[in-house]
Amino acid sequence: MEKITHDEFRARLSAQGMEREHSAFICPMCGTVQSMALLRSAGVPEDKLDTQIGFSCVGRWNNAGPATREGKPANADKPGCDWTLGGLFRLHQLEVEHAGKSHPMFVIASKEQAEALRAQVSA
């Protein structure tokens, strides 16, 4: 488990070079790279984007179903799986410490992954 400060978290997102809506994270269960833009396209309401990004997989919103045993997305037609960090099992790899509390988060995607997702979502 990696624990980082809120400032380090922000620096890593900044290093992607993306606008906020294209900052990308990786689901720990299915490996789907996702951003607020992808969540929006899956039907996540605007008032929920901030709480869902990096915490619940896009598949929870598009009914993709659970990840397979191999950790792959369940449905080839829809990105993601039904994983969220708010459940009983704590299978995340990153925690961000802020205001004296530790918050589980999806791993931050690389710059290249964020760029590829932006191109895909914008197409």
N, C-alpha and C. Protein backbone atom coordinates (compact mmCIF):
# COMPACT_ATOMS: atom_id res chain seq x y z
N MET A 1 0.85 -1.18 0.00
CA MET A 1 0.00 0.00 0.00
C MET A 1 0.89 1.24 0.00
N GLU A 2 0.66 2.09 -0.95
CA GLU A 2 1.40 3.35 -1.00
C GLU A 2 0.54 4.44 -0.39
N LYS A 3 1.13 5.23 0.50
CA LYS A 3 0.44 6.36 1.11
C LYS A 3 1.18 7.63 0.70
N ILE A 4 0.40 8.59 0.19
CA ILE A 4 1.00 9.84 -0.25
C ILE A 4 0.20 11.00 0.34
N THR A 5 0.83 12.15 0.36
CA THR A 5 0.15 13.35 0.84
C THR A 5 -0.77 13.90 -0.25
N HIS A 6 -1.66 14.76 0.14
CA HIS A 6 -2.56 15.40 -0.82
C HIS A 6 -1.76 16.22 -1.83
N ASP A 7 -0.69 16.87 -1.36
CA ASP A 7 0.16 17.65 -2.27
C ASP A 7 0.83 16.75 -3.31
N GLU A 8 1.31 15.58 -2.89
CA GLU A 8 1.93 14.63 -3.83
C GLU A 8 0.88 14.12 -4.82
N PHE A 9 -0.32 13.86 -4.34
CA PHE A 9 -1.43 13.43 -5.20
C PHE A 9 -1.68 14.46 -6.29
N ARG A 10 -1.78 15.71 -5.89
CA ARG A 10 -2.03 16.80 -6.86
C ARG A 10 -0.87 16.93 -7.85
N ALA A 11 0.36 16.76 -7.36
CA ALA A 11 1.53 16.84 -8.24
C ALA A 11 1.52 15.73 -9.28
N ARG A 12 1.13 14.53 -8.88
CA ARG A 12 1.08 13.41 -9.82
C ARG A 12 0.00 13.64 -10.88
N LEU A 13 -1.13 14.17 -10.47
CA LEU A 13 -2.17 14.48 -11.45
C LEU A 13 -1.70 15.58 -12.40
N SER A 14 -1.05 16.58 -11.86
CA SER A 14 -0.53 17.68 -12.66
C SER A 14 0.48 17.17 -13.70
N ALA A 15 1.27 16.17 -13.32
CA ALA A 15 2.28 15.61 -14.22
C ALA A 15 1.65 14.95 -15.45
N GLN A 16 0.38 14.58 -15.38
CA GLN A 16 -0.30 14.02 -16.55
C GLN A 16 -0.48 15.08 -17.64
N GLY A 17 -0.52 16.35 -17.23
CA GLY A 17 -0.69 17.43 -18.20
C GLY A 17 -2.09 17.52 -18.77
N MET A 18 -3.06 17.02 -18.05
CA MET A 18 -4.45 16.98 -18.52
C MET A 18 -5.29 18.06 -17.85
N GLU A 19 -6.37 18.46 -18.54
CA GLU A 19 -7.38 19.27 -17.89
C GLU A 19 -8.01 18.37 -16.82
N ARG A 20 -8.62 18.98 -15.83
CA ARG A 20 -9.18 18.23 -14.70
C ARG A 20 -10.08 17.08 -15.15
N GLU A 21 -10.93 17.30 -16.12
CA GLU A 21 -11.88 16.26 -16.54
C GLU A 21 -11.22 15.08 -17.23
N HIS A 22 -9.96 15.24 -17.63
CA HIS A 22 -9.23 14.16 -18.29
C HIS A 22 -8.13 13.55 -17.43
N SER A 23 -7.99 14.01 -16.18
CA SER A 23 -7.06 13.36 -15.25
C SER A 23 -7.50 11.92 -15.10
N ALA A 24 -6.57 10.98 -15.20
CA ALA A 24 -6.95 9.57 -15.31
C ALA A 24 -6.46 8.72 -14.13
N PHE A 25 -7.29 7.72 -13.83
CA PHE A 25 -7.04 6.76 -12.75
C PHE A 25 -7.25 5.36 -13.29
N ILE A 26 -6.73 4.36 -12.57
CA ILE A 26 -6.83 2.97 -13.01
C ILE A 26 -7.58 2.15 -11.96
N CYS A 27 -8.65 1.47 -12.38
CA CYS A 27 -9.40 0.60 -11.48
C CYS A 27 -8.50 -0.55 -11.02
N PRO A 28 -8.44 -0.82 -9.71
CA PRO A 28 -7.57 -1.89 -9.21
C PRO A 28 -8.07 -3.29 -9.54
N MET A 29 -9.32 -3.43 -9.93
CA MET A 29 -9.86 -4.76 -10.22
C MET A 29 -9.78 -5.13 -11.69
N CYS A 30 -10.16 -4.23 -12.58
CA CYS A 30 -10.20 -4.58 -14.00
C CYS A 30 -9.14 -3.87 -14.83
N GLY A 31 -8.46 -2.88 -14.24
CA GLY A 31 -7.41 -2.18 -14.96
C GLY A 31 -7.89 -1.13 -15.94
N THR A 32 -9.17 -0.80 -15.92
CA THR A 32 -9.71 0.20 -16.83
C THR A 32 -9.21 1.59 -16.45
N VAL A 33 -8.64 2.29 -17.43
CA VAL A 33 -8.22 3.67 -17.23
C VAL A 33 -9.46 4.53 -17.41
N GLN A 34 -9.68 5.46 -16.48
CA GLN A 34 -10.90 6.26 -16.51
C GLN A 34 -10.67 7.67 -16.02
N SER A 35 -11.54 8.55 -16.48
CA SER A 35 -11.47 9.97 -16.15
C SER A 35 -12.89 10.48 -15.90
N MET A 36 -12.99 11.72 -15.46
CA MET A 36 -14.31 12.31 -15.29
C MET A 36 -15.06 12.35 -16.63
N ALA A 37 -14.35 12.60 -17.70
CA ALA A 37 -14.98 12.63 -19.02
C ALA A 37 -15.60 11.28 -19.37
N LEU A 38 -14.89 10.19 -19.06
CA LEU A 38 -15.43 8.85 -19.33
C LEU A 38 -16.62 8.58 -18.42
N LEU A 39 -16.51 8.94 -17.14
CA LEU A 39 -17.64 8.75 -16.22
C LEU A 39 -18.87 9.53 -16.71
N ARG A 40 -18.64 10.75 -17.16
CA ARG A 40 -19.75 11.57 -17.67
C ARG A 40 -20.42 10.87 -18.85
N SER A 41 -19.61 10.32 -19.76
CA SER A 41 -20.17 9.65 -20.93
C SER A 41 -20.93 8.38 -20.55
N ALA A 42 -20.65 7.83 -19.37
CA ALA A 42 -21.35 6.63 -18.88
C ALA A 42 -22.61 6.99 -18.10
N GLY A 43 -22.87 8.29 -17.96
CA GLY A 43 -24.10 8.71 -17.32
C GLY A 43 -23.99 9.15 -15.87
N VAL A 44 -22.77 9.31 -15.36
CA VAL A 44 -22.62 9.78 -13.99
C VAL A 44 -23.09 11.24 -13.94
N PRO A 45 -24.00 11.57 -13.03
CA PRO A 45 -24.47 12.95 -12.91
C PRO A 45 -23.34 13.90 -12.53
N GLU A 46 -23.41 15.12 -13.00
CA GLU A 46 -22.38 16.13 -12.74
C GLU A 46 -22.08 16.28 -11.25
N ASP A 47 -23.11 16.23 -10.42
CA ASP A 47 -22.90 16.44 -8.98
C ASP A 47 -22.27 15.23 -8.28
N LYS A 48 -22.05 14.13 -9.01
CA LYS A 48 -21.42 12.94 -8.43
C LYS A 48 -20.02 12.68 -8.98
N LEU A 49 -19.61 13.40 -10.01
CA LEU A 49 -18.31 13.15 -10.63
C LEU A 49 -17.16 13.25 -9.64
N ASP A 50 -17.17 14.27 -8.80
CA ASP A 50 -16.06 14.47 -7.85
C ASP A 50 -15.94 13.32 -6.84
N THR A 51 -17.05 12.72 -6.47
CA THR A 51 -17.00 11.65 -5.47
C THR A 51 -16.78 10.28 -6.08
N GLN A 52 -17.03 10.14 -7.37
CA GLN A 52 -16.90 8.83 -8.01
C GLN A 52 -15.55 8.60 -8.67
N ILE A 53 -14.92 9.67 -9.17
CA ILE A 53 -13.65 9.50 -9.88
C ILE A 53 -12.57 9.00 -8.93
N GLY A 54 -11.88 7.96 -9.34
CA GLY A 54 -10.81 7.39 -8.52
C GLY A 54 -11.30 6.60 -7.34
N PHE A 55 -12.63 6.35 -7.27
CA PHE A 55 -13.20 5.64 -6.13
C PHE A 55 -14.14 4.52 -6.59
N SER A 56 -14.92 4.75 -7.64
CA SER A 56 -15.83 3.74 -8.18
C SER A 56 -15.56 3.59 -9.68
N CYS A 57 -15.49 2.35 -10.13
CA CYS A 57 -15.20 2.08 -11.54
C CYS A 57 -16.36 2.53 -12.41
N VAL A 58 -16.04 2.96 -13.60
CA VAL A 58 -17.03 3.41 -14.58
C VAL A 58 -18.08 2.32 -14.84
N GLY A 59 -17.70 1.06 -14.69
CA GLY A 59 -18.62 -0.04 -14.93
C GLY A 59 -19.81 -0.08 -13.98
N ARG A 60 -19.69 0.58 -12.83
CA ARG A 60 -20.84 0.67 -11.91
C ARG A 60 -21.95 1.50 -12.52
N TRP A 61 -21.60 2.36 -13.45
CA TRP A 61 -22.57 3.28 -14.04
C TRP A 61 -23.07 2.82 -15.39
N ASN A 62 -22.34 1.91 -16.03
CA ASN A 62 -22.78 1.45 -17.36
C ASN A 62 -23.19 -0.03 -17.35
N ASN A 63 -23.32 -0.60 -16.14
CA ASN A 63 -23.74 -1.99 -15.95
C ASN A 63 -22.82 -2.99 -16.65
N ALA A 64 -21.51 -2.77 -16.53
CA ALA A 64 -20.54 -3.67 -17.15
C ALA A 64 -20.45 -5.01 -16.43
N GLY A 65 -20.83 -5.05 -15.16
CA GLY A 65 -20.74 -6.29 -14.41
C GLY A 65 -19.40 -6.42 -13.71
N PRO A 66 -19.20 -7.52 -12.98
CA PRO A 66 -17.96 -7.71 -12.23
C PRO A 66 -16.78 -8.01 -13.15
N ALA A 67 -15.57 -7.76 -12.63
CA ALA A 67 -14.36 -8.12 -13.36
C ALA A 67 -14.25 -9.63 -13.41
N THR A 68 -13.59 -10.16 -14.42
CA THR A 68 -13.39 -11.60 -14.51
C THR A 68 -12.29 -12.02 -13.55
N ARG A 69 -12.10 -13.30 -13.39
CA ARG A 69 -11.04 -13.81 -12.50
C ARG A 69 -9.65 -13.33 -12.94
N GLU A 70 -9.50 -13.07 -14.22
CA GLU A 70 -8.22 -12.59 -14.74
C GLU A 70 -8.05 -11.10 -14.50
N GLY A 71 -9.05 -10.44 -13.90
CA GLY A 71 -8.98 -9.02 -13.64
C GLY A 71 -9.31 -8.16 -14.85
N LYS A 72 -9.90 -8.75 -15.85
CA LYS A 72 -10.25 -8.02 -17.07
C LYS A 72 -11.68 -7.48 -16.96
N PRO A 73 -11.99 -6.44 -17.74
CA PRO A 73 -13.37 -5.96 -17.74
C PRO A 73 -14.34 -7.10 -18.08
N ALA A 74 -15.50 -7.09 -17.46
CA ALA A 74 -16.46 -8.17 -17.60
C ALA A 74 -17.11 -8.20 -18.98
N ASN A 75 -17.38 -7.05 -19.55
CA ASN A 75 -18.15 -6.95 -20.77
C ASN A 75 -17.32 -6.21 -21.81
N ALA A 76 -17.00 -6.88 -22.89
CA ALA A 76 -16.15 -6.28 -23.92
C ALA A 76 -16.79 -5.06 -24.57
N ASP A 77 -18.12 -4.95 -24.48
CA ASP A 77 -18.82 -3.82 -25.10
C ASP A 77 -18.85 -2.57 -24.22
N LYS A 78 -18.53 -2.74 -22.93
CA LYS A 78 -18.60 -1.62 -21.99
C LYS A 78 -17.31 -1.57 -21.17
N PRO A 79 -16.75 -0.41 -20.97
CA PRO A 79 -15.53 -0.33 -20.15
C PRO A 79 -15.84 -0.51 -18.67
N GLY A 80 -14.89 -1.09 -17.96
CA GLY A 80 -14.99 -1.15 -16.51
C GLY A 80 -15.61 -2.39 -15.93
N CYS A 81 -15.81 -2.32 -14.61
CA CYS A 81 -16.43 -3.39 -13.84
C CYS A 81 -17.27 -2.72 -12.74
N ASP A 82 -17.79 -3.50 -11.83
CA ASP A 82 -18.66 -2.92 -10.81
C ASP A 82 -17.95 -2.62 -9.49
N TRP A 83 -16.63 -2.49 -9.51
CA TRP A 83 -15.86 -2.31 -8.27
C TRP A 83 -15.97 -0.89 -7.71
N THR A 84 -15.97 -0.80 -6.39
CA THR A 84 -15.89 0.47 -5.69
C THR A 84 -15.02 0.29 -4.46
N LEU A 85 -14.37 1.33 -4.03
CA LEU A 85 -13.53 1.26 -2.84
C LEU A 85 -14.35 1.42 -1.57
N GLY A 86 -15.65 1.58 -1.68
CA GLY A 86 -16.49 1.76 -0.52
C GLY A 86 -17.03 0.47 0.07
N GLY A 87 -16.57 -0.67 -0.42
CA GLY A 87 -17.09 -1.94 0.05
C GLY A 87 -16.28 -2.54 1.19
N LEU A 88 -16.60 -3.76 1.52
CA LEU A 88 -15.97 -4.49 2.62
C LEU A 88 -14.50 -4.79 2.34
N PHE A 89 -14.18 -5.20 1.12
CA PHE A 89 -12.82 -5.59 0.79
C PHE A 89 -11.96 -4.38 0.45
N ARG A 90 -10.79 -4.31 1.00
CA ARG A 90 -9.88 -3.18 0.81
C ARG A 90 -8.74 -3.62 -0.11
N LEU A 91 -8.99 -3.62 -1.40
CA LEU A 91 -8.01 -4.11 -2.36
C LEU A 91 -7.35 -2.99 -3.16
N HIS A 92 -7.35 -1.79 -2.62
CA HIS A 92 -6.73 -0.67 -3.32
C HIS A 92 -5.23 -0.64 -3.03
N GLN A 93 -4.51 0.12 -3.84
CA GLN A 93 -3.05 0.20 -3.73
C GLN A 93 -2.55 1.58 -3.35
N LEU A 94 -3.47 2.54 -3.23
CA LEU A 94 -3.07 3.92 -2.95
C LEU A 94 -4.00 4.55 -1.92
N GLU A 95 -3.41 5.28 -0.98
CA GLU A 95 -4.18 6.08 -0.04
C GLU A 95 -3.59 7.48 -0.03
N VAL A 96 -4.49 8.47 -0.02
CA VAL A 96 -4.09 9.86 0.01
C VAL A 96 -4.43 10.42 1.38
N GLU A 97 -3.42 10.94 2.05
CA GLU A 97 -3.62 11.52 3.38
C GLU A 97 -3.91 13.00 3.24
N HIS A 98 -5.04 13.40 3.87
CA HIS A 98 -5.47 14.80 3.77
C HIS A 98 -6.27 15.15 5.02
N ALA A 99 -5.92 16.24 5.64
CA ALA A 99 -6.62 16.75 6.83
C ALA A 99 -6.71 15.68 7.92
N GLY A 100 -5.64 14.93 8.09
CA GLY A 100 -5.58 13.94 9.16
C GLY A 100 -6.30 12.63 8.87
N LYS A 101 -6.80 12.46 7.66
CA LYS A 101 -7.51 11.23 7.30
C LYS A 101 -6.85 10.61 6.08
N SER A 102 -7.00 9.31 5.98
CA SER A 102 -6.46 8.56 4.86
C SER A 102 -7.62 8.13 3.94
N HIS A 103 -7.51 8.47 2.66
CA HIS A 103 -8.59 8.20 1.70
C HIS A 103 -8.11 7.20 0.65
N PRO A 104 -8.80 6.06 0.49
CA PRO A 104 -8.44 5.11 -0.56
C PRO A 104 -8.72 5.72 -1.93
N MET A 105 -7.85 5.46 -2.88
CA MET A 105 -8.00 5.99 -4.24
C MET A 105 -7.51 4.94 -5.23
N PHE A 106 -8.03 5.03 -6.47
CA PHE A 106 -7.45 4.25 -7.55
C PHE A 106 -6.07 4.82 -7.84
N VAL A 107 -5.19 4.01 -8.37
CA VAL A 107 -3.85 4.45 -8.76
C VAL A 107 -3.97 5.49 -9.86
N ILE A 108 -3.08 6.45 -9.83
CA ILE A 108 -3.06 7.50 -10.86
C ILE A 108 -2.40 6.94 -12.12
N ALA A 109 -3.06 7.13 -13.25
CA ALA A 109 -2.55 6.63 -14.52
C ALA A 109 -1.32 7.42 -14.96
N SER A 110 -0.57 6.83 -15.86
CA SER A 110 0.60 7.51 -16.43
C SER A 110 0.13 8.60 -17.40
N LYS A 111 1.03 9.47 -17.74
CA LYS A 111 0.73 10.55 -18.71
C LYS A 111 0.27 9.93 -20.04
N GLU A 112 0.95 8.88 -20.47
CA GLU A 112 0.61 8.22 -21.73
C GLU A 112 -0.79 7.60 -21.68
N GLN A 113 -1.11 6.97 -20.55
CA GLN A 113 -2.44 6.38 -20.41
C GLN A 113 -3.52 7.47 -20.42
N ALA A 114 -3.26 8.57 -19.74
CA ALA A 114 -4.22 9.68 -19.69
C ALA A 114 -4.41 10.26 -21.08
N GLU A 115 -3.33 10.42 -21.83
CA GLU A 115 -3.43 10.96 -23.19
C GLU A 115 -4.22 10.03 -24.11
N ALA A 116 -3.99 8.72 -23.99
CA ALA A 116 -4.71 7.76 -24.83
C ALA A 116 -6.20 7.77 -24.50
N LEU A 117 -6.53 7.86 -23.22
CA LEU A 117 -7.94 7.91 -22.83
C LEU A 117 -8.60 9.18 -23.33
N ARG A 118 -7.91 10.31 -23.21
CA ARG A 118 -8.48 11.56 -23.70
C ARG A 118 -8.78 11.47 -25.19
N ALA A 119 -7.86 10.90 -25.95
CA ALA A 119 -8.08 10.76 -27.39
C ALA A 119 -9.28 9.85 -27.67
N GLN A 120 -9.43 8.81 -26.89
CA GLN A 120 -10.54 7.86 -27.07
C GLN A 120 -11.87 8.52 -26.71
N VAL A 121 -11.93 9.21 -25.59
CA VAL A 121 -13.17 9.82 -25.12
C VAL A 121 -13.57 11.00 -26.01
N SER A 122 -12.58 11.70 -26.53
CA SER A 122 -12.84 12.88 -27.35
C SER A 122 -13.22 12.53 -28.78
N ALA A 123 -12.96 11.27 -29.18
CA ALA A 123 -13.21 10.85 -30.58
C ALA A 123 -14.68 10.70 -30.86
